[in-house]
Amino acid sequence: AAVLYLEGYLWDPEEPRAAMRKAVEA
């Protein structure tokens, strides 16, 4: 994907936050 777009609302819980950090690295 040309752009990965992350929603701050989902940063609260541990599981989605880990998924987003993993996505940032990818």
mmCIF file of all heavy atoms, coordinates in Angstrom:
data_MODEL
# 
_entry.id   MODEL 
# 
loop_
_atom_site.group_PDB 
_atom_site.id 
_atom_site.type_symbol 
_atom_site.label_atom_id 
_atom_site.label_alt_id 
_atom_site.label_comp_id 
_atom_site.label_asym_id 
_atom_site.label_entity_id 
_atom_site.label_seq_id 
_atom_site.pdbx_PDB_ins_code 
_atom_site.Cartn_x 
_atom_site.Cartn_y 
_atom_site.Cartn_z 
_atom_site.occupancy 
_atom_site.B_iso_or_equiv 
_atom_site.pdbx_formal_charge 
_atom_site.auth_seq_id 
_atom_site.auth_comp_id 
_atom_site.auth_asym_id 
_atom_site.auth_atom_id 
_atom_site.pdbx_PDB_model_num 
ATOM 1   N N   . ALA A 1 1  ? 0.844   -1.198  0.000  1.00 0.00 ? 1  ALA A N   1 
ATOM 2   C CA  . ALA A 1 1  ? 0.000   0.000   0.000  1.00 0.00 ? 1  ALA A CA  1 
ATOM 3   C C   . ALA A 1 1  ? 0.876   1.244   0.000  1.00 0.00 ? 1  ALA A C   1 
ATOM 4   O O   . ALA A 1 1  ? 1.868   1.314   0.721  1.00 0.00 ? 1  ALA A O   1 
ATOM 5   C CB  . ALA A 1 1  ? -0.916  0.003   1.225  1.00 0.00 ? 1  ALA A CB  1 
ATOM 6   N N   . ALA A 1 2  ? 0.512   2.225   -0.804 1.00 0.00 ? 2  ALA A N   1 
ATOM 7   C CA  . ALA A 1 2  ? 1.305   3.456   -0.864 1.00 0.00 ? 2  ALA A CA  1 
ATOM 8   C C   . ALA A 1 2  ? 1.333   4.163   0.486  1.00 0.00 ? 2  ALA A C   1 
ATOM 9   O O   . ALA A 1 2  ? 2.350   4.738   0.876  1.00 0.00 ? 2  ALA A O   1 
ATOM 10  C CB  . ALA A 1 2  ? 0.737   4.385   -1.938 1.00 0.00 ? 2  ALA A CB  1 
ATOM 11  N N   . VAL A 1 3  ? 0.191   4.112   1.210  1.00 0.00 ? 3  VAL A N   1 
ATOM 12  C CA  . VAL A 1 3  ? 0.096   4.781   2.508  1.00 0.00 ? 3  VAL A CA  1 
ATOM 13  C C   . VAL A 1 3  ? -0.549  3.836   3.514  1.00 0.00 ? 3  VAL A C   1 
ATOM 14  O O   . VAL A 1 3  ? -1.576  3.218   3.241  1.00 0.00 ? 3  VAL A O   1 
ATOM 15  C CB  . VAL A 1 3  ? -0.750  6.072   2.416  1.00 0.00 ? 3  VAL A CB  1 
ATOM 16  C CG1 . VAL A 1 3  ? -0.933  6.697   3.804  1.00 0.00 ? 3  VAL A CG1 1 
ATOM 17  C CG2 . VAL A 1 3  ? -0.108  7.082   1.472  1.00 0.00 ? 3  VAL A CG2 1 
ATOM 18  N N   . LEU A 1 4  ? 0.049   3.741   4.688  1.00 0.00 ? 4  LEU A N   1 
ATOM 19  C CA  . LEU A 1 4  ? -0.549  3.078   5.841  1.00 0.00 ? 4  LEU A CA  1 
ATOM 20  C C   . LEU A 1 4  ? -1.148  4.170   6.710  1.00 0.00 ? 4  LEU A C   1 
ATOM 21  O O   . LEU A 1 4  ? -0.448  5.094   7.128  1.00 0.00 ? 4  LEU A O   1 
ATOM 22  C CB  . LEU A 1 4  ? 0.508   2.303   6.630  1.00 0.00 ? 4  LEU A CB  1 
ATOM 23  C CG  . LEU A 1 4  ? 0.100   1.808   8.030  1.00 0.00 ? 4  LEU A CG  1 
ATOM 24  C CD1 . LEU A 1 4  ? -0.993  0.750   7.946  1.00 0.00 ? 4  LEU A CD1 1 
ATOM 25  C CD2 . LEU A 1 4  ? 1.317   1.285   8.787  1.00 0.00 ? 4  LEU A CD2 1 
ATOM 26  N N   . TYR A 1 5  ? -2.454  4.071   6.994  1.00 0.00 ? 5  TYR A N   1 
ATOM 27  C CA  . TYR A 1 5  ? -3.152  5.089   7.776  1.00 0.00 ? 5  TYR A CA  1 
ATOM 28  C C   . TYR A 1 5  ? -3.570  4.500   9.117  1.00 0.00 ? 5  TYR A C   1 
ATOM 29  O O   . TYR A 1 5  ? -4.252  3.478   9.169  1.00 0.00 ? 5  TYR A O   1 
ATOM 30  C CB  . TYR A 1 5  ? -4.386  5.579   7.000  1.00 0.00 ? 5  TYR A CB  1 
ATOM 31  C CG  . TYR A 1 5  ? -5.158  6.689   7.681  1.00 0.00 ? 5  TYR A CG  1 
ATOM 32  C CD1 . TYR A 1 5  ? -4.564  7.913   7.953  1.00 0.00 ? 5  TYR A CD1 1 
ATOM 33  C CD2 . TYR A 1 5  ? -6.502  6.521   8.016  1.00 0.00 ? 5  TYR A CD2 1 
ATOM 34  C CE1 . TYR A 1 5  ? -5.280  8.944   8.556  1.00 0.00 ? 5  TYR A CE1 1 
ATOM 35  C CE2 . TYR A 1 5  ? -7.232  7.545   8.606  1.00 0.00 ? 5  TYR A CE2 1 
ATOM 36  C CZ  . TYR A 1 5  ? -6.621  8.753   8.877  1.00 0.00 ? 5  TYR A CZ  1 
ATOM 37  O OH  . TYR A 1 5  ? -7.321  9.770   9.468  1.00 0.00 ? 5  TYR A OH  1 
ATOM 38  N N   . LEU A 1 6  ? -3.138  5.127   10.211 1.00 0.00 ? 6  LEU A N   1 
ATOM 39  C CA  . LEU A 1 6  ? -3.376  4.611   11.547 1.00 0.00 ? 6  LEU A CA  1 
ATOM 40  C C   . LEU A 1 6  ? -4.306  5.529   12.332 1.00 0.00 ? 6  LEU A C   1 
ATOM 41  O O   . LEU A 1 6  ? -4.135  6.752   12.338 1.00 0.00 ? 6  LEU A O   1 
ATOM 42  C CB  . LEU A 1 6  ? -2.052  4.484   12.309 1.00 0.00 ? 6  LEU A CB  1 
ATOM 43  C CG  . LEU A 1 6  ? -0.985  3.582   11.676 1.00 0.00 ? 6  LEU A CG  1 
ATOM 44  C CD1 . LEU A 1 6  ? 0.300   3.641   12.503 1.00 0.00 ? 6  LEU A CD1 1 
ATOM 45  C CD2 . LEU A 1 6  ? -1.482  2.147   11.574 1.00 0.00 ? 6  LEU A CD2 1 
ATOM 46  N N   . GLU A 1 7  ? -5.255  4.909   13.017 1.00 0.00 ? 7  GLU A N   1 
ATOM 47  C CA  . GLU A 1 7  ? -6.252  5.627   13.813 1.00 0.00 ? 7  GLU A CA  1 
ATOM 48  C C   . GLU A 1 7  ? -5.843  5.618   15.290 1.00 0.00 ? 7  GLU A C   1 
ATOM 49  O O   . GLU A 1 7  ? -5.739  4.555   15.909 1.00 0.00 ? 7  GLU A O   1 
ATOM 50  C CB  . GLU A 1 7  ? -7.607  4.932   13.626 1.00 0.00 ? 7  GLU A CB  1 
ATOM 51  C CG  . GLU A 1 7  ? -8.729  5.466   14.470 1.00 0.00 ? 7  GLU A CG  1 
ATOM 52  C CD  . GLU A 1 7  ? -9.981  4.617   14.338 1.00 0.00 ? 7  GLU A CD  1 
ATOM 53  O OE1 . GLU A 1 7  ? -10.271 4.099   13.240 1.00 0.00 ? 7  GLU A OE1 1 
ATOM 54  O OE2 . GLU A 1 7  ? -10.677 4.464   15.363 1.00 0.00 ? 7  GLU A OE2 1 
ATOM 55  N N   . GLY A 1 8  ? -5.655  6.801   15.858 1.00 0.00 ? 8  GLY A N   1 
ATOM 56  C CA  . GLY A 1 8  ? -5.211  6.908   17.238 1.00 0.00 ? 8  GLY A CA  1 
ATOM 57  C C   . GLY A 1 8  ? -6.150  6.279   18.249 1.00 0.00 ? 8  GLY A C   1 
ATOM 58  O O   . GLY A 1 8  ? -5.710  5.793   19.292 1.00 0.00 ? 8  GLY A O   1 
ATOM 59  N N   . TYR A 1 9  ? -7.450  6.288   17.950 1.00 0.00 ? 9  TYR A N   1 
ATOM 60  C CA  . TYR A 1 9  ? -8.419  5.676   18.870 1.00 0.00 ? 9  TYR A CA  1 
ATOM 61  C C   . TYR A 1 9  ? -8.028  4.241   19.235 1.00 0.00 ? 9  TYR A C   1 
ATOM 62  O O   . TYR A 1 9  ? -8.325  3.761   20.318 1.00 0.00 ? 9  TYR A O   1 
ATOM 63  C CB  . TYR A 1 9  ? -9.803  5.618   18.223 1.00 0.00 ? 9  TYR A CB  1 
ATOM 64  C CG  . TYR A 1 9  ? -10.588 6.898   18.227 1.00 0.00 ? 9  TYR A CG  1 
ATOM 65  C CD1 . TYR A 1 9  ? -11.202 7.358   17.063 1.00 0.00 ? 9  TYR A CD1 1 
ATOM 66  C CD2 . TYR A 1 9  ? -10.759 7.636   19.402 1.00 0.00 ? 9  TYR A CD2 1 
ATOM 67  C CE1 . TYR A 1 9  ? -11.959 8.522   17.059 1.00 0.00 ? 9  TYR A CE1 1 
ATOM 68  C CE2 . TYR A 1 9  ? -11.497 8.811   19.399 1.00 0.00 ? 9  TYR A CE2 1 
ATOM 69  C CZ  . TYR A 1 9  ? -12.105 9.243   18.226 1.00 0.00 ? 9  TYR A CZ  1 
ATOM 70  O OH  . TYR A 1 9  ? -12.850 10.399  18.234 1.00 0.00 ? 9  TYR A OH  1 
ATOM 71  N N   . LEU A 1 10 ? -7.383  3.543   18.306 1.00 0.00 ? 10 LEU A N   1 
ATOM 72  C CA  . LEU A 1 10 ? -7.083  2.126   18.508 1.00 0.00 ? 10 LEU A CA  1 
ATOM 73  C C   . LEU A 1 10 ? -5.744  1.909   19.218 1.00 0.00 ? 10 LEU A C   1 
ATOM 74  O O   . LEU A 1 10 ? -5.301  0.781   19.376 1.00 0.00 ? 10 LEU A O   1 
ATOM 75  C CB  . LEU A 1 10 ? -7.098  1.401   17.151 1.00 0.00 ? 10 LEU A CB  1 
ATOM 76  C CG  . LEU A 1 10 ? -7.372  -0.112  17.158 1.00 0.00 ? 10 LEU A CG  1 
ATOM 77  C CD1 . LEU A 1 10 ? -8.658  -0.441  17.873 1.00 0.00 ? 10 LEU A CD1 1 
ATOM 78  C CD2 . LEU A 1 10 ? -7.398  -0.653  15.737 1.00 0.00 ? 10 LEU A CD2 1 
ATOM 79  N N   . TRP A 1 11 ? -5.100  3.003   19.655 1.00 0.00 ? 11 TRP A N   1 
ATOM 80  C CA  . TRP A 1 11 ? -3.808  2.866   20.323 1.00 0.00 ? 11 TRP A CA  1 
ATOM 81  C C   . TRP A 1 11 ? -3.968  2.415   21.767 1.00 0.00 ? 11 TRP A C   1 
ATOM 82  O O   . TRP A 1 11 ? -3.019  1.934   22.386 1.00 0.00 ? 11 TRP A O   1 
ATOM 83  C CB  . TRP A 1 11 ? -3.056  4.201   20.266 1.00 0.00 ? 11 TRP A CB  1 
ATOM 84  C CG  . TRP A 1 11 ? -1.590  4.075   20.486 1.00 0.00 ? 11 TRP A CG  1 
ATOM 85  C CD1 . TRP A 1 11 ? -0.907  4.283   21.646 1.00 0.00 ? 11 TRP A CD1 1 
ATOM 86  C CD2 . TRP A 1 11 ? -0.597  3.706   19.510 1.00 0.00 ? 11 TRP A CD2 1 
ATOM 87  N NE1 . TRP A 1 11 ? 0.440   4.083   21.456 1.00 0.00 ? 11 TRP A NE1 1 
ATOM 88  C CE2 . TRP A 1 11 ? 0.656   3.715   20.146 1.00 0.00 ? 11 TRP A CE2 1 
ATOM 89  C CE3 . TRP A 1 11 ? -0.656  3.370   18.153 1.00 0.00 ? 11 TRP A CE3 1 
ATOM 90  C CZ2 . TRP A 1 11 ? 1.843   3.419   19.499 1.00 0.00 ? 11 TRP A CZ2 1 
ATOM 91  C CZ3 . TRP A 1 11 ? 0.518   3.068   17.494 1.00 0.00 ? 11 TRP A CZ3 1 
ATOM 92  C CH2 . TRP A 1 11 ? 1.743   3.086   18.155 1.00 0.00 ? 11 TRP A CH2 1 
ATOM 93  N N   . ASP A 1 12 ? -5.164  2.582   22.339 1.00 0.00 ? 12 ASP A N   1 
ATOM 94  C CA  . ASP A 1 12 ? -5.393  2.262   23.749 1.00 0.00 ? 12 ASP A CA  1 
ATOM 95  C C   . ASP A 1 12 ? -5.133  0.796   24.112 1.00 0.00 ? 12 ASP A C   1 
ATOM 96  O O   . ASP A 1 12 ? -4.341  0.521   25.008 1.00 0.00 ? 12 ASP A O   1 
ATOM 97  C CB  . ASP A 1 12 ? -6.824  2.629   24.141 1.00 0.00 ? 12 ASP A CB  1 
ATOM 98  C CG  . ASP A 1 12 ? -6.878  3.899   24.976 1.00 0.00 ? 12 ASP A CG  1 
ATOM 99  O OD1 . ASP A 1 12 ? -5.819  4.425   25.336 1.00 0.00 ? 12 ASP A OD1 1 
ATOM 100 O OD2 . ASP A 1 12 ? -7.990  4.349   25.266 1.00 0.00 ? 12 ASP A OD2 1 
ATOM 101 N N   . PRO A 1 13 ? -5.804  -0.156  23.453 1.00 0.00 ? 13 PRO A N   1 
ATOM 102 C CA  . PRO A 1 13 ? -5.650  -1.557  23.865 1.00 0.00 ? 13 PRO A CA  1 
ATOM 103 C C   . PRO A 1 13 ? -4.346  -2.168  23.372 1.00 0.00 ? 13 PRO A C   1 
ATOM 104 O O   . PRO A 1 13 ? -3.824  -1.816  22.315 1.00 0.00 ? 13 PRO A O   1 
ATOM 105 C CB  . PRO A 1 13 ? -6.856  -2.248  23.222 1.00 0.00 ? 13 PRO A CB  1 
ATOM 106 C CG  . PRO A 1 13 ? -7.155  -1.418  22.029 1.00 0.00 ? 13 PRO A CG  1 
ATOM 107 C CD  . PRO A 1 13 ? -6.819  -0.012  22.396 1.00 0.00 ? 13 PRO A CD  1 
ATOM 108 N N   . GLU A 1 14 ? -3.849  -3.106  24.142 1.00 0.00 ? 14 GLU A N   1 
ATOM 109 C CA  . GLU A 1 14 ? -2.527  -3.674  23.872 1.00 0.00 ? 14 GLU A CA  1 
ATOM 110 C C   . GLU A 1 14 ? -2.443  -4.423  22.540 1.00 0.00 ? 14 GLU A C   1 
ATOM 111 O O   . GLU A 1 14 ? -1.475  -4.261  21.783 1.00 0.00 ? 14 GLU A O   1 
ATOM 112 C CB  . GLU A 1 14 ? -2.145  -4.621  25.019 1.00 0.00 ? 14 GLU A CB  1 
ATOM 113 C CG  . GLU A 1 14 ? -0.743  -5.193  24.907 1.00 0.00 ? 14 GLU A CG  1 
ATOM 114 C CD  . GLU A 1 14 ? -0.381  -6.070  26.083 1.00 0.00 ? 14 GLU A CD  1 
ATOM 115 O OE1 . GLU A 1 14 ? -1.075  -5.993  27.118 1.00 0.00 ? 14 GLU A OE1 1 
ATOM 116 O OE2 . GLU A 1 14 ? 0.596   -6.834  25.974 1.00 0.00 ? 14 GLU A OE2 1 
ATOM 117 N N   . GLU A 1 15 ? -3.450  -5.276  22.244 1.00 0.00 ? 15 GLU A N   1 
ATOM 118 C CA  . GLU A 1 15 ? -3.363  -6.092  21.029 1.00 0.00 ? 15 GLU A CA  1 
ATOM 119 C C   . GLU A 1 15 ? -3.340  -5.254  19.752 1.00 0.00 ? 15 GLU A C   1 
ATOM 120 O O   . GLU A 1 15 ? -2.432  -5.422  18.918 1.00 0.00 ? 15 GLU A O   1 
ATOM 121 C CB  . GLU A 1 15 ? -4.515  -7.102  20.993 1.00 0.00 ? 15 GLU A CB  1 
ATOM 122 C CG  . GLU A 1 15 ? -4.334  -8.279  21.936 1.00 0.00 ? 15 GLU A CG  1 
ATOM 123 C CD  . GLU A 1 15 ? -5.396  -9.339  21.716 1.00 0.00 ? 15 GLU A CD  1 
ATOM 124 O OE1 . GLU A 1 15 ? -6.465  -9.228  22.331 1.00 0.00 ? 15 GLU A OE1 1 
ATOM 125 O OE2 . GLU A 1 15 ? -5.169  -10.259 20.910 1.00 0.00 ? 15 GLU A OE2 1 
ATOM 126 N N   . PRO A 1 16 ? -4.282  -4.333  19.557 1.00 0.00 ? 16 PRO A N   1 
ATOM 127 C CA  . PRO A 1 16 ? -4.224  -3.516  18.343 1.00 0.00 ? 16 PRO A CA  1 
ATOM 128 C C   . PRO A 1 16 ? -2.989  -2.619  18.278 1.00 0.00 ? 16 PRO A C   1 
ATOM 129 O O   . PRO A 1 16 ? -2.457  -2.376  17.193 1.00 0.00 ? 16 PRO A O   1 
ATOM 130 C CB  . PRO A 1 16 ? -5.512  -2.682  18.410 1.00 0.00 ? 16 PRO A CB  1 
ATOM 131 C CG  . PRO A 1 16 ? -6.405  -3.435  19.311 1.00 0.00 ? 16 PRO A CG  1 
ATOM 132 C CD  . PRO A 1 16 ? -5.511  -4.074  20.316 1.00 0.00 ? 16 PRO A CD  1 
ATOM 133 N N   . ARG A 1 17 ? -2.531  -2.133  19.432 1.00 0.00 ? 17 ARG A N   1 
ATOM 134 C CA  . ARG A 1 17 ? -1.318  -1.301  19.431 1.00 0.00 ? 17 ARG A CA  1 
ATOM 135 C C   . ARG A 1 17 ? -0.130  -2.108  18.921 1.00 0.00 ? 17 ARG A C   1 
ATOM 136 O O   . ARG A 1 17 ? 0.692   -1.606  18.129 1.00 0.00 ? 17 ARG A O   1 
ATOM 137 C CB  . ARG A 1 17 ? -1.056  -0.769  20.841 1.00 0.00 ? 17 ARG A CB  1 
ATOM 138 C CG  . ARG A 1 17 ? 0.111   0.199   20.903 1.00 0.00 ? 17 ARG A CG  1 
ATOM 139 C CD  . ARG A 1 17 ? 0.155   0.951   22.212 1.00 0.00 ? 17 ARG A CD  1 
ATOM 140 N NE  . ARG A 1 17 ? 0.362   0.098   23.361 1.00 0.00 ? 17 ARG A NE  1 
ATOM 141 C CZ  . ARG A 1 17 ? -0.538  -0.127  24.302 1.00 0.00 ? 17 ARG A CZ  1 
ATOM 142 N NH1 . ARG A 1 17 ? -1.733  0.433   24.226 1.00 0.00 ? 17 ARG A NH1 1 
ATOM 143 N NH2 . ARG A 1 17 ? -0.266  -0.917  25.334 1.00 0.00 ? 17 ARG A NH2 1 
ATOM 144 N N   . ALA A 1 18 ? -0.044  -3.378  19.335 1.00 0.00 ? 18 ALA A N   1 
ATOM 145 C CA  . ALA A 1 18 ? 1.033   -4.242  18.844 1.00 0.00 ? 18 ALA A CA  1 
ATOM 146 C C   . ALA A 1 18 ? 0.888   -4.471  17.336 1.00 0.00 ? 18 ALA A C   1 
ATOM 147 O O   . ALA A 1 18 ? 1.891   -4.495  16.598 1.00 0.00 ? 18 ALA A O   1 
ATOM 148 C CB  . ALA A 1 18 ? 1.002   -5.575  19.580 1.00 0.00 ? 18 ALA A CB  1 
ATOM 149 N N   . ALA A 1 19 ? -0.362  -4.620  16.867 1.00 0.00 ? 19 ALA A N   1 
ATOM 150 C CA  . ALA A 1 19 ? -0.602  -4.804  15.432 1.00 0.00 ? 19 ALA A CA  1 
ATOM 151 C C   . ALA A 1 19 ? -0.164  -3.569  14.649 1.00 0.00 ? 19 ALA A C   1 
ATOM 152 O O   . ALA A 1 19 ? 0.446   -3.674  13.574 1.00 0.00 ? 19 ALA A O   1 
ATOM 153 C CB  . ALA A 1 19 ? -2.083  -5.112  15.176 1.00 0.00 ? 19 ALA A CB  1 
ATOM 154 N N   . MET A 1 20 ? -0.448  -2.379  15.200 1.00 0.00 ? 20 MET A N   1 
ATOM 155 C CA  . MET A 1 20 ? -0.064  -1.150  14.504 1.00 0.00 ? 20 MET A CA  1 
ATOM 156 C C   . MET A 1 20 ? 1.446   -0.955  14.488 1.00 0.00 ? 20 MET A C   1 
ATOM 157 O O   . MET A 1 20 ? 2.009   -0.513  13.486 1.00 0.00 ? 20 MET A O   1 
ATOM 158 C CB  . MET A 1 20 ? -0.782  0.046   15.117 1.00 0.00 ? 20 MET A CB  1 
ATOM 159 C CG  . MET A 1 20 ? -2.262  0.098   14.757 1.00 0.00 ? 20 MET A CG  1 
ATOM 160 S SD  . MET A 1 20 ? -3.047  1.699   15.066 1.00 0.00 ? 20 MET A SD  1 
ATOM 161 C CE  . MET A 1 20 ? -3.351  1.563   16.803 1.00 0.00 ? 20 MET A CE  1 
ATOM 162 N N   . ARG A 1 21 ? 2.107   -1.284  15.589 1.00 0.00 ? 21 ARG A N   1 
ATOM 163 C CA  . ARG A 1 21 ? 3.569   -1.181  15.600 1.00 0.00 ? 21 ARG A CA  1 
ATOM 164 C C   . ARG A 1 21 ? 4.179   -2.133  14.561 1.00 0.00 ? 21 ARG A C   1 
ATOM 165 O O   . ARG A 1 21 ? 5.148   -1.785  13.864 1.00 0.00 ? 21 ARG A O   1 
ATOM 166 C CB  . ARG A 1 21 ? 4.099   -1.496  16.993 1.00 0.00 ? 21 ARG A CB  1 
ATOM 167 C CG  . ARG A 1 21 ? 3.825   -0.404  18.027 1.00 0.00 ? 21 ARG A CG  1 
ATOM 168 C CD  . ARG A 1 21 ? 4.631   -0.653  19.282 1.00 0.00 ? 21 ARG A CD  1 
ATOM 169 N NE  . ARG A 1 21 ? 4.358   0.283   20.348 1.00 0.00 ? 21 ARG A NE  1 
ATOM 170 C CZ  . ARG A 1 21 ? 4.856   1.519   20.438 1.00 0.00 ? 21 ARG A CZ  1 
ATOM 171 N NH1 . ARG A 1 21 ? 5.649   1.973   19.473 1.00 0.00 ? 21 ARG A NH1 1 
ATOM 172 N NH2 . ARG A 1 21 ? 4.569   2.295   21.462 1.00 0.00 ? 21 ARG A NH2 1 
ATOM 173 N N   . LYS A 1 22 ? 3.609   -3.326  14.467 1.00 0.00 ? 22 LYS A N   1 
ATOM 174 C CA  . LYS A 1 22 ? 4.071   -4.293  13.474 1.00 0.00 ? 22 LYS A CA  1 
ATOM 175 C C   . LYS A 1 22 ? 3.841   -3.763  12.056 1.00 0.00 ? 22 LYS A C   1 
ATOM 176 O O   . LYS A 1 22 ? 4.689   -3.913  11.163 1.00 0.00 ? 22 LYS A O   1 
ATOM 177 C CB  . LYS A 1 22 ? 3.317   -5.612  13.677 1.00 0.00 ? 22 LYS A CB  1 
ATOM 178 C CG  . LYS A 1 22 ? 3.784   -6.775  12.822 1.00 0.00 ? 22 LYS A CG  1 
ATOM 179 C CD  . LYS A 1 22 ? 2.993   -8.028  13.197 1.00 0.00 ? 22 LYS A CD  1 
ATOM 180 C CE  . LYS A 1 22 ? 3.370   -9.226  12.318 1.00 0.00 ? 22 LYS A CE  1 
ATOM 181 N NZ  . LYS A 1 22 ? 2.564   -10.426 12.669 1.00 0.00 ? 22 LYS A NZ  1 
ATOM 182 N N   . ALA A 1 23 ? 2.700   -3.106  11.855 1.00 0.00 ? 23 ALA A N   1 
ATOM 183 C CA  . ALA A 1 23 ? 2.382   -2.542  10.540 1.00 0.00 ? 23 ALA A CA  1 
ATOM 184 C C   . ALA A 1 23 ? 3.339   -1.416  10.176 1.00 0.00 ? 23 ALA A C   1 
ATOM 185 O O   . ALA A 1 23 ? 3.748   -1.279  9.014  1.00 0.00 ? 23 ALA A O   1 
ATOM 186 C CB  . ALA A 1 23 ? 0.942   -2.034  10.527 1.00 0.00 ? 23 ALA A CB  1 
ATOM 187 N N   . VAL A 1 24 ? 3.698   -0.600  11.169 1.00 0.00 ? 24 VAL A N   1 
ATOM 188 C CA  . VAL A 1 24 ? 4.652   0.492   10.921 1.00 0.00 ? 24 VAL A CA  1 
ATOM 189 C C   . VAL A 1 24 ? 5.969   -0.069  10.409 1.00 0.00 ? 24 VAL A C   1 
ATOM 190 O O   . VAL A 1 24 ? 6.553   0.454   9.435  1.00 0.00 ? 24 VAL A O   1 
ATOM 191 C CB  . VAL A 1 24 ? 4.871   1.322   12.208 1.00 0.00 ? 24 VAL A CB  1 
ATOM 192 C CG1 . VAL A 1 24 ? 6.090   2.236   12.065 1.00 0.00 ? 24 VAL A CG1 1 
ATOM 193 C CG2 . VAL A 1 24 ? 3.630   2.144   12.530 1.00 0.00 ? 24 VAL A CG2 1 
ATOM 194 N N   . GLU A 1 25 ? 6.435   -1.135  11.025 1.00 0.00 ? 25 GLU A N   1 
ATOM 195 C CA  . GLU A 1 25 ? 7.695   -1.738  10.589 1.00 0.00 ? 25 GLU A CA  1 
ATOM 196 C C   . GLU A 1 25 ? 7.579   -2.315  9.179  1.00 0.00 ? 25 GLU A C   1 
ATOM 197 O O   . GLU A 1 25 ? 8.512   -2.193  8.367  1.00 0.00 ? 25 GLU A O   1 
ATOM 198 C CB  . GLU A 1 25 ? 8.123   -2.831  11.573 1.00 0.00 ? 25 GLU A CB  1 
ATOM 199 C CG  . GLU A 1 25 ? 8.445   -2.308  12.965 1.00 0.00 ? 25 GLU A CG  1 
ATOM 200 C CD  . GLU A 1 25 ? 9.450   -1.155  12.951 1.00 0.00 ? 25 GLU A CD  1 
ATOM 201 O OE1 . GLU A 1 25 ? 10.478  -1.274  12.247 1.00 0.00 ? 25 GLU A OE1 1 
ATOM 202 O OE2 . GLU A 1 25 ? 9.205   -0.146  13.633 1.00 0.00 ? 25 GLU A OE2 1 
ATOM 203 N N   . ALA A 1 26 ? 6.437   -2.942  8.883  1.00 0.00 ? 26 ALA A N   1 
ATOM 204 C CA  . ALA A 1 26 ? 6.236   -3.507  7.542  1.00 0.00 ? 26 ALA A CA  1 
ATOM 205 C C   . ALA A 1 26 ? 6.198   -2.410  6.486  1.00 0.00 ? 26 ALA A C   1 
ATOM 206 O O   . ALA A 1 26 ? 6.791   -2.539  5.408  1.00 0.00 ? 26 ALA A O   1 
ATOM 207 C CB  . ALA A 1 26 ? 4.945   -4.327  7.503  1.00 0.00 ? 26 ALA A CB  1 
# 
